[in-house]
């Protein structure tokens, strides 16, 4: 009971002082990104750990891999996004080290490279 009371008091104190523990997105390893994108492209089964890698694919640059401009109008740039995503994903040597992996990489880019 005492532990529960202490935890409640600590939670209240942190809330009052305004301590913020918001999560920040981190860039996934290019190999993780390759494997996760391959899994949603029919080359496996995505796992729960792929959620952040797949989200990173769609987050606007500079925090992610989707290229947008905001001035003078908001616009998504599919070709630039495709090139940037491909460069990032293929920086994993395993994404292109065999013909089969290169084919998977190309299939990922064909399906997802220009998607917002």
PDB file of N, CA and C in Angstrom:
ATOM      1  N   UNK A   1       0.823  -1.188   0.000  1.00  0.00           N
ATOM      2  CA  UNK A   1       0.000   0.000   0.000  1.00  0.00           C
ATOM      3  C   UNK A   1       0.869   1.254   0.000  1.00  0.00           C
ATOM      4  N   UNK A   2       1.946   1.217   0.761  1.00  0.00           N
ATOM      5  CA  UNK A   2       2.814   2.376   0.849  1.00  0.00           C
ATOM      6  C   UNK A   2       3.463   2.672  -0.508  1.00  0.00           C
ATOM      7  N   UNK A   3       3.839   1.617  -1.261  1.00  0.00           N
ATOM      8  CA  UNK A   3       4.435   1.794  -2.573  1.00  0.00           C
ATOM      9  C   UNK A   3       3.444   2.455  -3.532  1.00  0.00           C
ATOM     10  N   UNK A   4       2.194   2.033  -3.470  1.00  0.00           N
ATOM     11  CA  UNK A   4       1.169   2.609  -4.335  1.00  0.00           C
ATOM     12  C   UNK A   4       0.974   4.086  -4.003  1.00  0.00           C
ATOM     13  N   UNK A   5       0.965   4.430  -2.745  1.00  0.00           N
ATOM     14  CA  UNK A   5       0.807   5.826  -2.328  1.00  0.00           C
ATOM     15  C   UNK A   5       2.000   6.662  -2.791  1.00  0.00           C
ATOM     16  N   UNK A   6       3.208   6.100  -2.669  1.00  0.00           N
ATOM     17  CA  UNK A   6       4.410   6.818  -3.092  1.00  0.00           C
ATOM     18  C   UNK A   6       4.400   7.050  -4.599  1.00  0.00           C
ATOM     19  N   UNK A   7       3.990   6.039  -5.351  1.00  0.00           N
ATOM     20  CA  UNK A   7       3.932   6.173  -6.802  1.00  0.00           C
ATOM     21  C   UNK A   7       2.913   7.228  -7.200  1.00  0.00           C
ATOM     22  N   UNK A   8       1.766   7.237  -6.552  1.00  0.00           N
ATOM     23  CA  UNK A   8       0.735   8.230  -6.848  1.00  0.00           C
ATOM     24  C   UNK A   8       1.246   9.639  -6.550  1.00  0.00           C
ATOM     25  N   UNK A   9       1.948   9.795  -5.446  1.00  0.00           N
ATOM     26  CA  UNK A   9       2.487  11.103  -5.075  1.00  0.00           C
ATOM     27  C   UNK A   9       3.539  11.561  -6.086  1.00  0.00           C
ATOM     28  N   UNK A  10       4.390  10.641  -6.505  1.00  0.00           N
ATOM     29  CA  UNK A  10       5.413  10.981  -7.498  1.00  0.00           C
ATOM     30  C   UNK A  10       4.765  11.371  -8.824  1.00  0.00           C
ATOM     31  N   UNK A  11       3.760  10.635  -9.252  1.00  0.00           N
ATOM     32  CA  UNK A  11       3.061  10.957 -10.490  1.00  0.00           C
ATOM     33  C   UNK A  11       2.423  12.326 -10.430  1.00  0.00           C
ATOM     34  N   UNK A  12       1.807  12.636  -9.312  1.00  0.00           N
ATOM     35  CA  UNK A  12       1.176  13.936  -9.124  1.00  0.00           C
ATOM     36  C   UNK A  12       2.226  15.046  -9.149  1.00  0.00           C
ATOM     37  N   UNK A  13       3.350  14.817  -8.490  1.00  0.00           N
ATOM     38  CA  UNK A  13       4.402  15.831  -8.455  1.00  0.00           C
ATOM     39  C   UNK A  13       4.971  16.090  -9.845  1.00  0.00           C
ATOM     40  N   UNK A  14       5.196  15.043 -10.600  1.00  0.00           N
ATOM     41  CA  UNK A  14       5.711  15.219 -11.951  1.00  0.00           C
ATOM     42  C   UNK A  14       4.711  15.943 -12.834  1.00  0.00           C
ATOM     43  N   UNK A  15       3.441  15.646 -12.653  1.00  0.00           N
ATOM     44  CA  UNK A  15       2.402  16.321 -13.419  1.00  0.00           C
ATOM     45  C   UNK A  15       2.319  17.793 -13.079  1.00  0.00           C
ATOM     46  N   UNK A  16       2.461  18.131 -11.819  1.00  0.00           N
ATOM     47  CA  UNK A  16       2.374  19.517 -11.379  1.00  0.00           C
ATOM     48  C   UNK A  16       3.571  20.326 -11.872  1.00  0.00           C
ATOM     49  N   UNK A  17       4.755  19.725 -11.850  1.00  0.00           N
ATOM     50  CA  UNK A  17       5.947  20.466 -12.256  1.00  0.00           C
ATOM     51  C   UNK A  17       6.105  20.548 -13.769  1.00  0.00           C
ATOM     52  N   UNK A  18       5.260  19.836 -14.483  1.00  0.00           N
ATOM     53  CA  UNK A  18       5.270  19.948 -15.936  1.00  0.00           C
ATOM     54  C   UNK A  18       6.327  19.108 -16.626  1.00  0.00           C
ATOM     55  N   UNK A  19       6.779  18.044 -15.995  1.00  0.00           N
ATOM     56  CA  UNK A  19       7.738  17.167 -16.644  1.00  0.00           C
ATOM     57  C   UNK A  19       7.050  16.491 -17.814  1.00  0.00           C
ATOM     58  N   UNK A  20       7.652  16.620 -18.943  1.00  0.00           N
ATOM     59  CA  UNK A  20       7.061  16.074 -20.162  1.00  0.00           C
ATOM     60  C   UNK A  20       7.947  14.951 -20.673  1.00  0.00           C
ATOM     61  N   UNK A  21       7.363  13.788 -20.900  1.00  0.00           N
ATOM     62  CA  UNK A  21       8.133  12.656 -21.385  1.00  0.00           C
ATOM     63  C   UNK A  21       7.649  12.237 -22.763  1.00  0.00           C
ATOM     64  N   UNK A  22       7.433  13.215 -23.645  1.00  0.00           N
ATOM     65  CA  UNK A  22       6.935  12.884 -24.968  1.00  0.00           C
ATOM     66  C   UNK A  22       8.006  12.143 -25.764  1.00  0.00           C
ATOM     67  N   UNK A  23       7.556  11.194 -26.555  1.00  0.00           N
ATOM     68  CA  UNK A  23       8.467  10.401 -27.371  1.00  0.00           C
ATOM     69  C   UNK A  23       8.822  11.154 -28.646  1.00  0.00           C
ATOM     70  N   UNK A  24      10.034  10.943 -29.107  1.00  0.00           N
ATOM     71  CA  UNK A  24      10.462  11.543 -30.357  1.00  0.00           C
ATOM     72  C   UNK A  24      10.814  10.427 -31.325  1.00  0.00           C
ATOM     73  N   UNK A  25      10.456  10.627 -32.574  1.00  0.00           N
ATOM     74  CA  UNK A  25      10.748   9.616 -33.581  1.00  0.00           C
ATOM     75  C   UNK A  25      12.237   9.586 -33.861  1.00  0.00           C
ATOM     76  N   UNK A  26      12.756   8.378 -34.013  1.00  0.00           N
ATOM     77  CA  UNK A  26      14.146   8.215 -34.385  1.00  0.00           C
ATOM     78  C   UNK A  26      14.194   7.486 -35.711  1.00  0.00           C
ATOM     79  N   UNK A  27      15.162   7.835 -36.511  1.00  0.00           N
ATOM     80  CA  UNK A  27      15.304   7.189 -37.804  1.00  0.00           C
ATOM     81  C   UNK A  27      15.645   5.719 -37.600  1.00  0.00           C
ATOM     82  N   UNK A  28      14.901   4.840 -38.260  1.00  0.00           N
ATOM     83  CA  UNK A  28      15.235   3.426 -38.149  1.00  0.00           C
ATOM     84  C   UNK A  28      16.499   3.114 -38.941  1.00  0.00           C
ATOM     85  N   UNK A  29      17.166   2.079 -38.543  1.00  0.00           N
ATOM     86  CA  UNK A  29      18.299   1.567 -39.290  1.00  0.00           C
ATOM     87  C   UNK A  29      17.832   1.250 -40.710  1.00  0.00           C
ATOM     88  N   UNK A  30      18.603   1.578 -41.746  1.00  0.00           N
ATOM     89  CA  UNK A  30      18.162   1.304 -43.118  1.00  0.00           C
ATOM     90  C   UNK A  30      17.829  -0.167 -43.367  1.00  0.00           C
ATOM     91  N   UNK A  31      18.526  -1.070 -42.708  1.00  0.00           N
ATOM     92  CA  UNK A  31      18.240  -2.497 -42.892  1.00  0.00           C
ATOM     93  C   UNK A  31      16.902  -2.871 -42.264  1.00  0.00           C
ATOM     94  N   UNK A  32      16.589  -2.277 -41.118  1.00  0.00           N
ATOM     95  CA  UNK A  32      15.283  -2.498 -40.494  1.00  0.00           C
ATOM     96  C   UNK A  32      14.190  -1.960 -41.404  1.00  0.00           C
ATOM     97  N   UNK A  33      14.415  -0.786 -41.966  1.00  0.00           N
ATOM     98  CA  UNK A  33      13.447  -0.202 -42.881  1.00  0.00           C
ATOM     99  C   UNK A  33      13.231  -1.118 -44.091  1.00  0.00           C
ATOM    100  N   UNK A  34      14.308  -1.636 -44.646  1.00  0.00           N
ATOM    101  CA  UNK A  34      14.223  -2.543 -45.798  1.00  0.00           C
ATOM    102  C   UNK A  34      13.390  -3.777 -45.443  1.00  0.00           C
ATOM    103  N   UNK A  35      13.696  -4.405 -44.327  1.00  0.00           N
ATOM    104  CA  UNK A  35      12.975  -5.624 -43.933  1.00  0.00           C
ATOM    105  C   UNK A  35      11.500  -5.343 -43.669  1.00  0.00           C
ATOM    106  N   UNK A  36      11.211  -4.235 -43.015  1.00  0.00           N
ATOM    107  CA  UNK A  36       9.815  -3.902 -42.716  1.00  0.00           C
ATOM    108  C   UNK A  36       9.039  -3.547 -43.972  1.00  0.00           C
ATOM    109  N   UNK A  37       9.650  -2.791 -44.856  1.00  0.00           N
ATOM    110  CA  UNK A  37       8.958  -2.451 -46.102  1.00  0.00           C
ATOM    111  C   UNK A  37       8.781  -3.696 -46.966  1.00  0.00           C
ATOM    112  N   UNK A  38       9.758  -4.598 -46.943  1.00  0.00           N
ATOM    113  CA  UNK A  38       9.613  -5.860 -47.681  1.00  0.00           C
ATOM    114  C   UNK A  38       8.452  -6.670 -47.116  1.00  0.00           C
ATOM    115  N   UNK A  39       8.293  -6.625 -45.798  1.00  0.00           N
ATOM    116  CA  UNK A  39       7.227  -7.422 -45.177  1.00  0.00           C
ATOM    117  C   UNK A  39       5.839  -6.920 -45.563  1.00  0.00           C
ATOM    118  N   UNK A  40       5.675  -5.623 -45.764  1.00  0.00           N
ATOM    119  CA  UNK A  40       4.345  -5.138 -46.167  1.00  0.00           C
ATOM    120  C   UNK A  40       4.176  -5.162 -47.682  1.00  0.00           C
ATOM    121  N   UNK A  41       5.254  -5.541 -48.380  1.00  0.00           N
ATOM    122  CA  UNK A  41       5.193  -5.652 -49.833  1.00  0.00           C
ATOM    123  C   UNK A  41       5.035  -7.099 -50.284  1.00  0.00           C
ATOM    124  N   UNK A  42       4.694  -7.972 -49.347  1.00  0.00           N
ATOM    125  CA  UNK A  42       4.447  -9.365 -49.697  1.00  0.00           C
ATOM    126  C   UNK A  42       5.625 -10.291 -49.532  1.00  0.00           C
ATOM    127  N   UNK A  43       6.706  -9.825 -48.935  1.00  0.00           N
ATOM    128  CA  UNK A  43       7.893 -10.652 -48.746  1.00  0.00           C
ATOM    129  C   UNK A  43       8.082 -10.998 -47.272  1.00  0.00           C
ATOM    130  N   UNK A  44       7.013 -11.349 -46.599  1.00  0.00           N
ATOM    131  CA  UNK A  44       7.090 -11.695 -45.181  1.00  0.00           C
ATOM    132  C   UNK A  44       5.883 -11.163 -44.450  1.00  0.00           C
ATOM    133  N   UNK A  45       5.986 -11.142 -43.136  1.00  0.00           N
ATOM    134  CA  UNK A  45       4.898 -10.665 -42.295  1.00  0.00           C
ATOM    135  C   UNK A  45       5.416  -9.546 -41.410  1.00  0.00           C
ATOM    136  N   UNK A  46       4.776  -8.367 -41.439  1.00  0.00           N
ATOM    137  CA  UNK A  46       5.256  -7.274 -40.583  1.00  0.00           C
ATOM    138  C   UNK A  46       5.051  -7.602 -39.112  1.00  0.00           C
ATOM    139  N   UNK A  47       5.976  -7.171 -38.297  1.00  0.00           N
ATOM    140  CA  UNK A  47       5.874  -7.339 -36.853  1.00  0.00           C
ATOM    141  C   UNK A  47       5.517  -6.004 -36.226  1.00  0.00           C
ATOM    142  N   UNK A  48       5.166  -6.026 -34.962  1.00  0.00           N
ATOM    143  CA  UNK A  48       4.846  -4.794 -34.254  1.00  0.00           C
ATOM    144  C   UNK A  48       6.004  -3.827 -34.221  1.00  0.00           C
ATOM    145  N   UNK A  49       7.220  -4.351 -34.272  1.00  0.00           N
ATOM    146  CA  UNK A  49       8.387  -3.473 -34.234  1.00  0.00           C
ATOM    147  C   UNK A  49       8.584  -2.716 -35.544  1.00  0.00           C
ATOM    148  N   UNK A  50       7.807  -3.056 -36.569  1.00  0.00           N
ATOM    149  CA  UNK A  50       7.901  -2.351 -37.858  1.00  0.00           C
ATOM    150  C   UNK A  50       7.097  -1.059 -37.876  1.00  0.00           C
ATOM    151  N   UNK A  51       6.264  -0.841 -36.901  1.00  0.00           N
ATOM    152  CA  UNK A  51       5.380   0.325 -36.934  1.00  0.00           C
ATOM    153  C   UNK A  51       6.155   1.630 -37.059  1.00  0.00           C
ATOM    154  N   UNK A  52       7.224   1.794 -36.298  1.00  0.00           N
ATOM    155  CA  UNK A  52       7.963   3.063 -36.361  1.00  0.00           C
ATOM    156  C   UNK A  52       8.728   3.197 -37.673  1.00  0.00           C
ATOM    157  N   UNK A  53       9.243   2.091 -38.212  1.00  0.00           N
ATOM    158  CA  UNK A  53       9.954   2.161 -39.487  1.00  0.00           C
ATOM    159  C   UNK A  53       9.001   2.530 -40.620  1.00  0.00           C
ATOM    160  N   UNK A  54       7.823   1.931 -40.610  1.00  0.00           N
ATOM    161  CA  UNK A  54       6.837   2.227 -41.650  1.00  0.00           C
ATOM    162  C   UNK A  54       6.330   3.660 -41.505  1.00  0.00           C
ATOM    163  N   UNK A  55       6.151   4.109 -40.274  1.00  0.00           N
ATOM    164  CA  UNK A  55       5.736   5.497 -40.056  1.00  0.00           C
ATOM    165  C   UNK A  55       6.803   6.465 -40.560  1.00  0.00           C
ATOM    166  N   UNK A  56       8.078   6.129 -40.337  1.00  0.00           N
ATOM    167  CA  UNK A  56       9.185   6.976 -40.778  1.00  0.00           C
ATOM    168  C   UNK A  56       9.142   7.184 -42.291  1.00  0.00           C
ATOM    169  N   UNK A  57       8.695   6.193 -43.019  1.00  0.00           N
ATOM    170  CA  UNK A  57       8.565   6.261 -44.475  1.00  0.00           C
ATOM    171  C   UNK A  57       7.650   7.417 -44.884  1.00  0.00           C
ATOM    172  N   UNK A  58       6.620   7.678 -44.059  1.00  0.00           N
ATOM    173  CA  UNK A  58       5.589   8.657 -44.407  1.00  0.00           C
ATOM    174  C   UNK A  58       5.761  10.015 -43.720  1.00  0.00           C
ATOM    175  N   UNK A  59       6.651  10.118 -42.767  1.00  0.00           N
ATOM    176  CA  UNK A  59       6.861  11.375 -42.051  1.00  0.00           C
ATOM    177  C   UNK A  59       7.588  12.361 -42.964  1.00  0.00           C
ATOM    178  N   UNK A  60       7.152  13.620 -42.995  1.00  0.00           N
ATOM    179  CA  UNK A  60       7.824  14.606 -43.848  1.00  0.00           C
ATOM    180  C   UNK A  60       9.287  14.828 -43.459  1.00  0.00           C
ATOM    181  N   UNK A  61      10.121  15.026 -44.477  1.00  0.00           N
ATOM    182  CA  UNK A  61      11.513  15.419 -44.291  1.00  0.00           C
ATOM    183  C   UNK A  61      11.554  16.762 -43.584  1.00  0.00           C
ATOM    184  N   UNK A  62      12.423  17.037 -42.664  1.00  0.00           N
ATOM    185  CA  UNK A  62      13.665  16.366 -42.357  1.00  0.00           C
ATOM    186  C   UNK A  62      13.544  15.259 -41.313  1.00  0.00           C
ATOM    187  N   UNK A  63      12.398  15.079 -40.714  1.00  0.00           N
ATOM    188  CA  UNK A  63      12.259  14.031 -39.701  1.00  0.00           C
ATOM    189  C   UNK A  63      11.967  12.668 -40.278  1.00  0.00           C
ATOM    190  N   UNK A  64      11.629  12.603 -41.555  1.00  0.00           N
ATOM    191  CA  UNK A  64      11.270  11.340 -42.178  1.00  0.00           C
ATOM    192  C   UNK A  64      11.709  11.311 -43.632  1.00  0.00           C
ATOM    193  N   UNK A  65      11.047  10.467 -44.407  1.00  0.00           N
ATOM    194  CA  UNK A  65      11.483  10.233 -45.782  1.00  0.00           C
ATOM    195  C   UNK A  65      10.547  10.773 -46.852  1.00  0.00           C
ATOM    196  N   UNK A  66       9.502  11.480 -46.485  1.00  0.00           N
ATOM    197  CA  UNK A  66       8.576  12.054 -47.467  1.00  0.00           C
ATOM    198  C   UNK A  66       8.962  13.519 -47.708  1.00  0.00           C
ATOM    199  N   UNK A  67       9.112  13.881 -48.965  1.00  0.00           N
ATOM    200  CA  UNK A  67       9.530  15.243 -49.319  1.00  0.00           C
ATOM    201  C   UNK A  67       8.292  16.091 -49.609  1.00  0.00           C
ATOM    202  N   UNK A  68       8.154  17.161 -48.847  1.00  0.00           N
ATOM    203  CA  UNK A  68       7.051  18.112 -48.982  1.00  0.00           C
ATOM    204  C   UNK A  68       7.616  19.523 -49.077  1.00  0.00           C
ATOM    205  N   UNK A  69       6.874  20.395 -49.722  1.00  0.00           N
ATOM    206  CA  UNK A  69       7.148  21.828 -49.618  1.00  0.00           C
ATOM    207  C   UNK A  69       5.915  22.467 -49.001  1.00  0.00           C
ATOM    208  N   UNK A  70       6.124  23.561 -48.330  1.00  0.00           N
ATOM    209  CA  UNK A  70       5.019  24.218 -47.626  1.00  0.00           C
ATOM    210  C   UNK A  70       4.791  25.648 -48.085  1.00  0.00           C
ATOM    211  N   UNK A  71       5.663  26.133 -48.949  1.00  0.00           N
ATOM    212  CA  UNK A  71       5.511  27.498 -49.423  1.00  0.00           C
ATOM    213  C   UNK A  71       5.859  27.537 -50.895  1.00  0.00           C
ATOM    214  N   UNK A  72       5.150  28.125 -51.727  1.00  0.00           N
ATOM    215  CA  UNK A  72       3.950  28.913 -51.493  1.00  0.00           C
ATOM    216  C   UNK A  72       2.692  28.068 -51.295  1.00  0.00           C
ATOM    217  N   UNK A  73       2.744  26.787 -51.660  1.00  0.00           N
ATOM    218  CA  UNK A  73       1.610  25.911 -51.407  1.00  0.00           C
ATOM    219  C   UNK A  73       2.134  24.602 -50.819  1.00  0.00           C
ATOM    220  N   UNK A  74       1.271  23.903 -50.103  1.00  0.00           N
ATOM    221  CA  UNK A  74       1.639  22.599 -49.560  1.00  0.00           C
ATOM    222  C   UNK A  74       1.585  21.588 -50.697  1.00  0.00           C
ATOM    223  N   UNK A  75       2.711  20.905 -50.908  1.00  0.00           N
ATOM    224  CA  UNK A  75       2.771  19.962 -52.011  1.00  0.00           C
ATOM    225  C   UNK A  75       3.693  18.801 -51.658  1.00  0.00           C
ATOM    226  N   UNK A  76       3.232  17.592 -51.947  1.00  0.00           N
ATOM    227  CA  UNK A  76       4.043  16.383 -51.812  1.00  0.00           C
ATOM    228  C   UNK A  76       4.801  16.164 -53.113  1.00  0.00           C
ATOM    229  N   UNK A  77       6.075  15.809 -53.022  1.00  0.00           N
ATOM    230  CA  UNK A  77       6.921  15.592 -54.189  1.00  0.00           C
ATOM    231  C   UNK A  77       7.225  14.099 -54.309  1.00  0.00           C
ATOM    232  N   UNK A  78       6.424  13.374 -55.115  1.00  0.00           N
ATOM    233  CA  UNK A  78       6.585  11.920 -55.178  1.00  0.00           C
ATOM    234  C   UNK A  78       7.921  11.457 -55.760  1.00  0.00           C
ATOM    235  N   UNK A  79       8.406  12.102 -56.813  1.00  0.00           N
ATOM    236  CA  UNK A  79       9.663  11.660 -57.419  1.00  0.00           C
ATOM    237  C   UNK A  79      10.858  11.892 -56.498  1.00  0.00           C
ATOM    238  N   UNK A  80      10.886  13.051 -55.848  1.00  0.00           N
ATOM    239  CA  UNK A  80      11.972  13.340 -54.919  1.00  0.00           C
ATOM    240  C   UNK A  80      11.898  12.409 -53.699  1.00  0.00           C
ATOM    241  N   UNK A  81      10.675  12.129 -53.242  1.00  0.00           N
ATOM    242  CA  UNK A  81      10.495  11.202 -52.121  1.00  0.00           C
ATOM    243  C   UNK A  81      11.003   9.816 -52.508  1.00  0.00           C
ATOM    244  N   UNK A  82      10.663   9.375 -53.712  1.00  0.00           N
ATOM    245  CA  UNK A  82      11.107   8.074 -54.220  1.00  0.00           C
ATOM    246  C   UNK A  82      12.631   7.986 -54.191  1.00  0.00           C
ATOM    247  N   UNK A  83      13.300   8.999 -54.725  1.00  0.00           N
ATOM    248  CA  UNK A  83      14.757   8.984 -54.802  1.00  0.00           C
ATOM    249  C   UNK A  83      15.392   9.005 -53.410  1.00  0.00           C
ATOM    250  N   UNK A  84      14.859   9.833 -52.525  1.00  0.00           N
ATOM    251  CA  UNK A  84      15.407   9.945 -51.174  1.00  0.00           C
ATOM    252  C   UNK A  84      15.190   8.650 -50.395  1.00  0.00           C
ATOM    253  N   UNK A  85      14.005   8.085 -50.503  1.00  0.00           N
ATOM    254  CA  UNK A  85      13.704   6.826 -49.820  1.00  0.00           C
ATOM    255  C   UNK A  85      14.595   5.702 -50.331  1.00  0.00           C
ATOM    256  N   UNK A  86      14.770   5.627 -51.638  1.00  0.00           N
ATOM    257  CA  UNK A  86      15.592   4.572 -52.228  1.00  0.00           C
ATOM    258  C   UNK A  86      17.038   4.695 -51.767  1.00  0.00           C
ATOM    259  N   UNK A  87      17.548   5.910 -51.785  1.00  0.00           N
ATOM    260  CA  UNK A  87      18.927   6.136 -51.339  1.00  0.00           C
ATOM    261  C   UNK A  87      19.098   5.714 -49.886  1.00  0.00           C
ATOM    262  N   UNK A  88      18.143   6.091 -49.034  1.00  0.00           N
ATOM    263  CA  UNK A  88      18.240   5.742 -47.616  1.00  0.00           C
ATOM    264  C   UNK A  88      18.142   4.230 -47.425  1.00  0.00           C
ATOM    265  N   UNK A  89      17.128   3.605 -47.997  1.00  0.00           N
ATOM    266  CA  UNK A  89      16.919   2.180 -47.810  1.00  0.00           C
ATOM    267  C   UNK A  89      18.085   1.373 -48.385  1.00  0.00           C
ATOM    268  N   UNK A  90      18.573   1.761 -49.558  1.00  0.00           N
ATOM    269  CA  UNK A  90      19.663   1.023 -50.184  1.00  0.00           C
ATOM    270  C   UNK A  90      21.025   1.303 -49.559  1.00  0.00           C
ATOM    271  N   UNK A  91      21.079   2.187 -48.568  1.00  0.00           N
ATOM    272  CA  UNK A  91      22.331   2.355 -47.830  1.00  0.00           C
ATOM    273  C   UNK A  91      22.579   1.143 -46.936  1.00  0.00           C
ATOM    274  N   UNK A  92      21.576   0.284 -46.793  1.00  0.00           N
ATOM    275  CA  UNK A  92      21.759  -1.021 -46.157  1.00  0.00           C
ATOM    276  C   UNK A  92      22.353  -1.932 -47.218  1.00  0.00           C
ATOM    277  N   UNK A  93      23.545  -2.441 -46.981  1.00  0.00           N
ATOM    278  CA  UNK A  93      24.206  -3.266 -47.995  1.00  0.00           C
ATOM    279  C   UNK A  93      23.393  -4.522 -48.318  1.00  0.00           C
ATOM    280  N   UNK A  94      22.616  -5.021 -47.385  1.00  0.00           N
ATOM    281  CA  UNK A  94      21.807  -6.208 -47.623  1.00  0.00           C
ATOM    282  C   UNK A  94      20.641  -5.973 -48.560  1.00  0.00           C
ATOM    283  N   UNK A  95      20.287  -4.722 -48.794  1.00  0.00           N
ATOM    284  CA  UNK A  95      19.160  -4.423 -49.672  1.00  0.00           C
ATOM    285  C   UNK A  95      19.508  -4.638 -51.142  1.00  0.00           C
ATOM    286  N   UNK A  96      20.783  -4.660 -51.447  1.00  0.00           N
ATOM    287  CA  UNK A  96      21.189  -4.785 -52.853  1.00  0.00           C
ATOM    288  C   UNK A  96      22.323  -5.789 -53.056  1.00  0.00           C
ATOM    289  N   UNK A  97      22.639  -6.597 -52.045  1.00  0.00           N
ATOM    290  CA  UNK A  97      23.804  -7.480 -52.153  1.00  0.00           C
ATOM    291  C   UNK A  97      23.570  -8.723 -53.003  1.00  0.00           C
ATOM    292  N   UNK A  98      22.326  -9.035 -53.319  1.00  0.00           N
ATOM    293  CA  UNK A  98      22.028 -10.155 -54.220  1.00  0.00           C
ATOM    294  C   UNK A  98      20.978  -9.689 -55.219  1.00  0.00           C
ATOM    295  N   UNK A  99      20.841 -10.432 -56.295  1.00  0.00           N
ATOM    296  CA  UNK A  99      19.834 -10.074 -57.299  1.00  0.00           C
ATOM    297  C   UNK A  99      18.438 -10.148 -56.689  1.00  0.00           C
ATOM    298  N   UNK A 100      18.195 -11.156 -55.854  1.00  0.00           N
ATOM    299  CA  UNK A 100      16.876 -11.288 -55.221  1.00  0.00           C
ATOM    300  C   UNK A 100      16.575 -10.086 -54.333  1.00  0.00           C
ATOM    301  N   UNK A 101      17.545  -9.666 -53.536  1.00  0.00           N
ATOM    302  CA  UNK A 101      17.321  -8.508 -52.661  1.00  0.00           C
ATOM    303  C   UNK A 101      17.136  -7.231 -53.472  1.00  0.00           C
ATOM    304  N   UNK A 102      17.877  -7.093 -54.553  1.00  0.00           N
ATOM    305  CA  UNK A 102      17.691  -5.924 -55.424  1.00  0.00           C
ATOM    306  C   UNK A 102      16.295  -5.924 -56.031  1.00  0.00           C
ATOM    307  N   UNK A 103      15.814  -7.107 -56.418  1.00  0.00           N
ATOM    308  CA  UNK A 103      14.455  -7.204 -56.954  1.00  0.00           C
ATOM    309  C   UNK A 103      13.417  -6.807 -55.912  1.00  0.00           C
ATOM    310  N   UNK A 104      13.636  -7.224 -54.659  1.00  0.00           N
ATOM    311  CA  UNK A 104      12.720  -6.853 -53.576  1.00  0.00           C
ATOM    312  C   UNK A 104      12.768  -5.347 -53.354  1.00  0.00           C
ATOM    313  N   UNK A 105      13.964  -4.779 -53.355  1.00  0.00           N
ATOM    314  CA  UNK A 105      14.114  -3.330 -53.203  1.00  0.00           C
ATOM    315  C   UNK A 105      13.376  -2.584 -54.306  1.00  0.00           C
ATOM    316  N   UNK A 106      13.523  -3.055 -55.535  1.00  0.00           N
ATOM    317  CA  UNK A 106      12.824  -2.419 -56.654  1.00  0.00           C
ATOM    318  C   UNK A 106      11.308  -2.544 -56.506  1.00  0.00           C
ATOM    319  N   UNK A 107      10.843  -3.708 -56.038  1.00  0.00           N
ATOM    320  CA  UNK A 107       9.402  -3.904 -55.837  1.00  0.00           C
ATOM    321  C   UNK A 107       8.867  -2.975 -54.746  1.00  0.00           C
ATOM    322  N   UNK A 108       9.645  -2.785 -53.696  1.00  0.00           N
ATOM    323  CA  UNK A 108       9.244  -1.855 -52.626  1.00  0.00           C
ATOM    324  C   UNK A 108       9.104  -0.452 -53.203  1.00  0.00           C
ATOM    325  N   UNK A 109      10.095  -0.039 -53.964  1.00  0.00           N
ATOM    326  CA  UNK A 109      10.071   1.310 -54.516  1.00  0.00           C
ATOM    327  C   UNK A 109       8.947   1.482 -55.524  1.00  0.00           C
ATOM    328  N   UNK A 110       8.675   0.441 -56.325  1.00  0.00           N
ATOM    329  CA  UNK A 110       7.570   0.516 -57.285  1.00  0.00           C
ATOM    330  C   UNK A 110       6.223   0.676 -56.574  1.00  0.00           C
ATOM    331  N   UNK A 111       6.066  -0.028 -55.461  1.00  0.00           N
ATOM    332  CA  UNK A 111       4.790  -0.004 -54.750  1.00  0.00           C
ATOM    333  C   UNK A 111       4.672   1.190 -53.797  1.00  0.00           C
ATOM    334  N   UNK A 112       5.733   1.539 -53.107  1.00  0.00           N
ATOM    335  CA  UNK A 112       5.648   2.509 -52.020  1.00  0.00           C
ATOM    336  C   UNK A 112       6.489   3.765 -52.202  1.00  0.00           C
ATOM    337  N   UNK A 113       7.343   3.806 -53.204  1.00  0.00           N
ATOM    338  CA  UNK A 113       8.291   4.911 -53.346  1.00  0.00           C
ATOM    339  C   UNK A 113       7.668   6.280 -53.518  1.00  0.00           C
ATOM    340  N   UNK A 114       6.528   6.340 -54.202  1.00  0.00           N
ATOM    341  CA  UNK A 114       5.891   7.631 -54.485  1.00  0.00           C
ATOM    342  C   UNK A 114       4.626   7.858 -53.672  1.00  0.00           C
ATOM    343  N   UNK A 115       4.441   7.086 -52.635  1.00  0.00           N
ATOM    344  CA  UNK A 115       3.225   7.183 -51.804  1.00  0.00           C
ATOM    345  C   UNK A 115       3.450   8.215 -50.702  1.00  0.00           C
ATOM    346  N   UNK A 116       2.422   9.049 -50.489  1.00  0.00           N
ATOM    347  CA  UNK A 116       2.513  10.025 -49.402  1.00  0.00           C
ATOM    348  C   UNK A 116       2.621   9.279 -48.142  1.00  0.00           C
TER     349      UNK A 116
END
